[in-house]
Amino acid sequence: MKSLLSSRPVLWFLFLFNAAVAIAAGAAGHHLHIHGQTLHGSQQIMTCAGMGIVALGAAAGLLRRHPHPA
């Protein structure tokens, strides 16, 4: 599982997907209707923060320098 989560394509997916959801939830959470439910107040803030933290973690994994075998 560690090798899968540290692969660059998976990190790019995690970064882009979670960043997009964090931005969407932060900007228009009260307009997003999922099964008749919307995000309001603390739900909107926590969704935005949680997805943003995952996106930042994936970005840190992408920026980390991996040693190249000689």
N, C-alpha and C. Protein backbone atom coordinates (compact mmCIF):
# COMPACT_ATOMS: atom_id res chain seq x y z
N MET A 1 0.82 -1.18 0.00
CA MET A 1 0.00 0.00 0.00
C MET A 1 0.87 1.26 0.00
N LYS A 2 2.01 1.21 0.70
CA LYS A 2 2.88 2.37 0.77
C LYS A 2 3.45 2.71 -0.60
N SER A 3 3.81 1.70 -1.38
CA SER A 3 4.36 1.96 -2.71
C SER A 3 3.29 2.53 -3.64
N LEU A 4 2.04 2.12 -3.46
CA LEU A 4 0.95 2.68 -4.26
C LEU A 4 0.72 4.15 -3.92
N LEU A 5 0.66 4.47 -2.63
CA LEU A 5 0.39 5.84 -2.21
C LEU A 5 1.55 6.79 -2.48
N SER A 6 2.74 6.28 -2.65
CA SER A 6 3.88 7.15 -2.93
C SER A 6 4.18 7.26 -4.42
N SER A 7 3.39 6.60 -5.27
CA SER A 7 3.62 6.72 -6.71
C SER A 7 3.14 8.09 -7.20
N ARG A 8 3.84 8.64 -8.15
CA ARG A 8 3.55 9.99 -8.62
C ARG A 8 2.16 10.14 -9.23
N PRO A 9 1.66 9.19 -10.03
CA PRO A 9 0.30 9.36 -10.56
C PRO A 9 -0.77 9.41 -9.46
N VAL A 10 -0.62 8.60 -8.43
CA VAL A 10 -1.59 8.59 -7.33
C VAL A 10 -1.50 9.89 -6.55
N LEU A 11 -0.29 10.39 -6.32
CA LEU A 11 -0.14 11.66 -5.62
C LEU A 11 -0.73 12.81 -6.41
N TRP A 12 -0.55 12.80 -7.74
CA TRP A 12 -1.15 13.84 -8.57
C TRP A 12 -2.67 13.78 -8.50
N PHE A 13 -3.23 12.57 -8.56
CA PHE A 13 -4.68 12.42 -8.45
C PHE A 13 -5.18 12.93 -7.11
N LEU A 14 -4.53 12.53 -6.02
CA LEU A 14 -4.95 12.97 -4.69
C LEU A 14 -4.87 14.48 -4.56
N PHE A 15 -3.79 15.06 -5.08
CA PHE A 15 -3.64 16.51 -5.00
C PHE A 15 -4.73 17.23 -5.78
N LEU A 16 -4.90 16.88 -7.04
CA LEU A 16 -5.84 17.60 -7.90
C LEU A 16 -7.30 17.39 -7.45
N PHE A 17 -7.67 16.15 -7.15
CA PHE A 17 -9.04 15.86 -6.75
C PHE A 17 -9.39 16.56 -5.44
N ASN A 18 -8.54 16.40 -4.44
CA ASN A 18 -8.85 16.98 -3.13
C ASN A 18 -8.78 18.50 -3.16
N ALA A 19 -7.87 19.07 -3.94
CA ALA A 19 -7.82 20.52 -4.05
C ALA A 19 -9.09 21.05 -4.73
N ALA A 20 -9.54 20.36 -5.77
CA ALA A 20 -10.76 20.79 -6.46
C ALA A 20 -11.98 20.70 -5.54
N VAL A 21 -12.09 19.64 -4.77
CA VAL A 21 -13.23 19.49 -3.86
C VAL A 21 -13.15 20.53 -2.74
N ALA A 22 -11.94 20.80 -2.23
CA ALA A 22 -11.80 21.81 -1.18
C ALA A 22 -12.21 23.19 -1.69
N ILE A 23 -11.80 23.53 -2.90
CA ILE A 23 -12.16 24.82 -3.47
C ILE A 23 -13.66 24.89 -3.73
N ALA A 24 -14.23 23.82 -4.28
CA ALA A 24 -15.67 23.80 -4.55
C ALA A 24 -16.48 23.89 -3.26
N ALA A 25 -16.07 23.16 -2.24
CA ALA A 25 -16.80 23.18 -0.97
C ALA A 25 -16.66 24.53 -0.28
N GLY A 26 -15.50 25.13 -0.38
CA GLY A 26 -15.29 26.43 0.25
C GLY A 26 -16.03 27.55 -0.47
N ALA A 27 -16.03 27.51 -1.79
CA ALA A 27 -16.62 28.59 -2.56
C ALA A 27 -18.13 28.45 -2.71
N ALA A 28 -18.61 27.25 -2.89
CA ALA A 28 -20.03 27.08 -3.21
C ALA A 28 -20.65 25.89 -2.47
N GLY A 29 -20.22 25.64 -1.26
CA GLY A 29 -20.73 24.49 -0.52
C GLY A 29 -22.21 24.54 -0.26
N HIS A 30 -22.76 25.73 -0.04
CA HIS A 30 -24.19 25.84 0.23
C HIS A 30 -25.02 25.73 -1.04
N HIS A 31 -24.40 25.74 -2.21
CA HIS A 31 -25.11 25.57 -3.48
C HIS A 31 -25.02 24.14 -4.01
N LEU A 32 -24.13 23.33 -3.46
CA LEU A 32 -23.96 21.94 -3.92
C LEU A 32 -25.03 21.07 -3.27
N HIS A 33 -25.87 20.46 -4.08
CA HIS A 33 -26.94 19.59 -3.58
C HIS A 33 -26.58 18.14 -3.88
N ILE A 34 -26.41 17.35 -2.83
CA ILE A 34 -26.13 15.93 -2.96
C ILE A 34 -27.20 15.18 -2.19
N HIS A 35 -28.05 14.48 -2.90
CA HIS A 35 -29.18 13.75 -2.31
C HIS A 35 -30.03 14.67 -1.44
N GLY A 36 -30.23 15.91 -1.90
CA GLY A 36 -31.07 16.85 -1.19
C GLY A 36 -30.40 17.55 -0.02
N GLN A 37 -29.14 17.25 0.23
CA GLN A 37 -28.41 17.85 1.34
C GLN A 37 -27.44 18.91 0.83
N THR A 38 -27.19 19.93 1.62
CA THR A 38 -26.20 20.95 1.29
C THR A 38 -25.25 21.10 2.47
N LEU A 39 -24.14 21.78 2.23
CA LEU A 39 -23.17 22.05 3.30
C LEU A 39 -23.40 23.45 3.83
N HIS A 40 -23.51 23.56 5.15
CA HIS A 40 -23.70 24.86 5.78
C HIS A 40 -22.77 24.98 6.99
N GLY A 41 -22.27 26.17 7.22
CA GLY A 41 -21.53 26.48 8.43
C GLY A 41 -20.33 25.60 8.67
N SER A 42 -20.35 24.93 9.83
CA SER A 42 -19.19 24.14 10.23
C SER A 42 -18.96 22.94 9.32
N GLN A 43 -20.00 22.38 8.73
CA GLN A 43 -19.82 21.27 7.78
C GLN A 43 -19.01 21.73 6.57
N GLN A 44 -19.33 22.90 6.08
CA GLN A 44 -18.63 23.45 4.93
C GLN A 44 -17.18 23.73 5.27
N ILE A 45 -16.93 24.31 6.42
CA ILE A 45 -15.57 24.64 6.84
C ILE A 45 -14.75 23.37 7.05
N MET A 46 -15.31 22.38 7.72
CA MET A 46 -14.56 21.15 8.00
C MET A 46 -14.30 20.35 6.73
N THR A 47 -15.25 20.33 5.80
CA THR A 47 -15.04 19.64 4.52
C THR A 47 -13.91 20.32 3.75
N CYS A 48 -13.95 21.63 3.69
CA CYS A 48 -12.92 22.38 2.98
C CYS A 48 -11.55 22.16 3.64
N ALA A 49 -11.49 22.23 4.96
CA ALA A 49 -10.22 22.06 5.67
C ALA A 49 -9.68 20.64 5.52
N GLY A 50 -10.53 19.64 5.67
CA GLY A 50 -10.08 18.25 5.57
C GLY A 50 -9.55 17.90 4.19
N MET A 51 -10.28 18.30 3.17
CA MET A 51 -9.82 18.02 1.81
C MET A 51 -8.57 18.83 1.48
N GLY A 52 -8.48 20.04 2.00
CA GLY A 52 -7.30 20.87 1.79
C GLY A 52 -6.06 20.27 2.44
N ILE A 53 -6.22 19.69 3.62
CA ILE A 53 -5.09 19.06 4.32
C ILE A 53 -4.58 17.86 3.53
N VAL A 54 -5.49 17.06 2.99
CA VAL A 54 -5.08 15.91 2.18
C VAL A 54 -4.36 16.39 0.91
N ALA A 55 -4.87 17.46 0.29
CA ALA A 55 -4.23 18.00 -0.91
C ALA A 55 -2.82 18.51 -0.58
N LEU A 56 -2.67 19.19 0.56
CA LEU A 56 -1.34 19.67 0.95
C LEU A 56 -0.38 18.52 1.24
N GLY A 57 -0.89 17.45 1.83
CA GLY A 57 -0.04 16.27 2.08
C GLY A 57 0.41 15.63 0.78
N ALA A 58 -0.47 15.54 -0.20
CA ALA A 58 -0.10 14.98 -1.50
C ALA A 58 0.91 15.89 -2.19
N ALA A 59 0.72 17.22 -2.07
CA ALA A 59 1.66 18.16 -2.67
C ALA A 59 3.04 18.03 -2.03
N ALA A 60 3.08 17.83 -0.73
CA ALA A 60 4.36 17.63 -0.04
C ALA A 60 5.03 16.36 -0.54
N GLY A 61 4.26 15.31 -0.78
CA GLY A 61 4.81 14.08 -1.32
C GLY A 61 5.35 14.25 -2.73
N LEU A 62 4.69 15.11 -3.52
CA LEU A 62 5.17 15.38 -4.87
C LEU A 62 6.45 16.20 -4.87
N LEU A 63 6.58 17.11 -3.93
CA LEU A 63 7.74 17.99 -3.88
C LEU A 63 8.95 17.37 -3.20
N ARG A 64 8.71 16.30 -2.44
CA ARG A 64 9.81 15.62 -1.74
C ARG A 64 10.78 15.04 -2.77
N ARG A 65 12.01 15.23 -2.55
CA ARG A 65 13.03 14.73 -3.48
C ARG A 65 13.30 13.25 -3.22
N HIS A 66 13.20 12.48 -4.27
CA HIS A 66 13.49 11.05 -4.18
C HIS A 66 14.90 10.80 -4.69
N PRO A 67 15.72 10.06 -3.96
CA PRO A 67 17.07 9.78 -4.46
C PRO A 67 17.00 8.89 -5.70
N HIS A 68 17.77 9.25 -6.70
CA HIS A 68 17.83 8.45 -7.93
C HIS A 68 18.95 7.43 -7.81
N PRO A 69 18.66 6.16 -8.14
CA PRO A 69 19.70 5.14 -8.08
C PRO A 69 20.79 5.41 -9.11
N ALA A 70 22.03 5.24 -8.72
CA ALA A 70 23.16 5.52 -9.63
C ALA A 70 23.45 4.38 -10.56
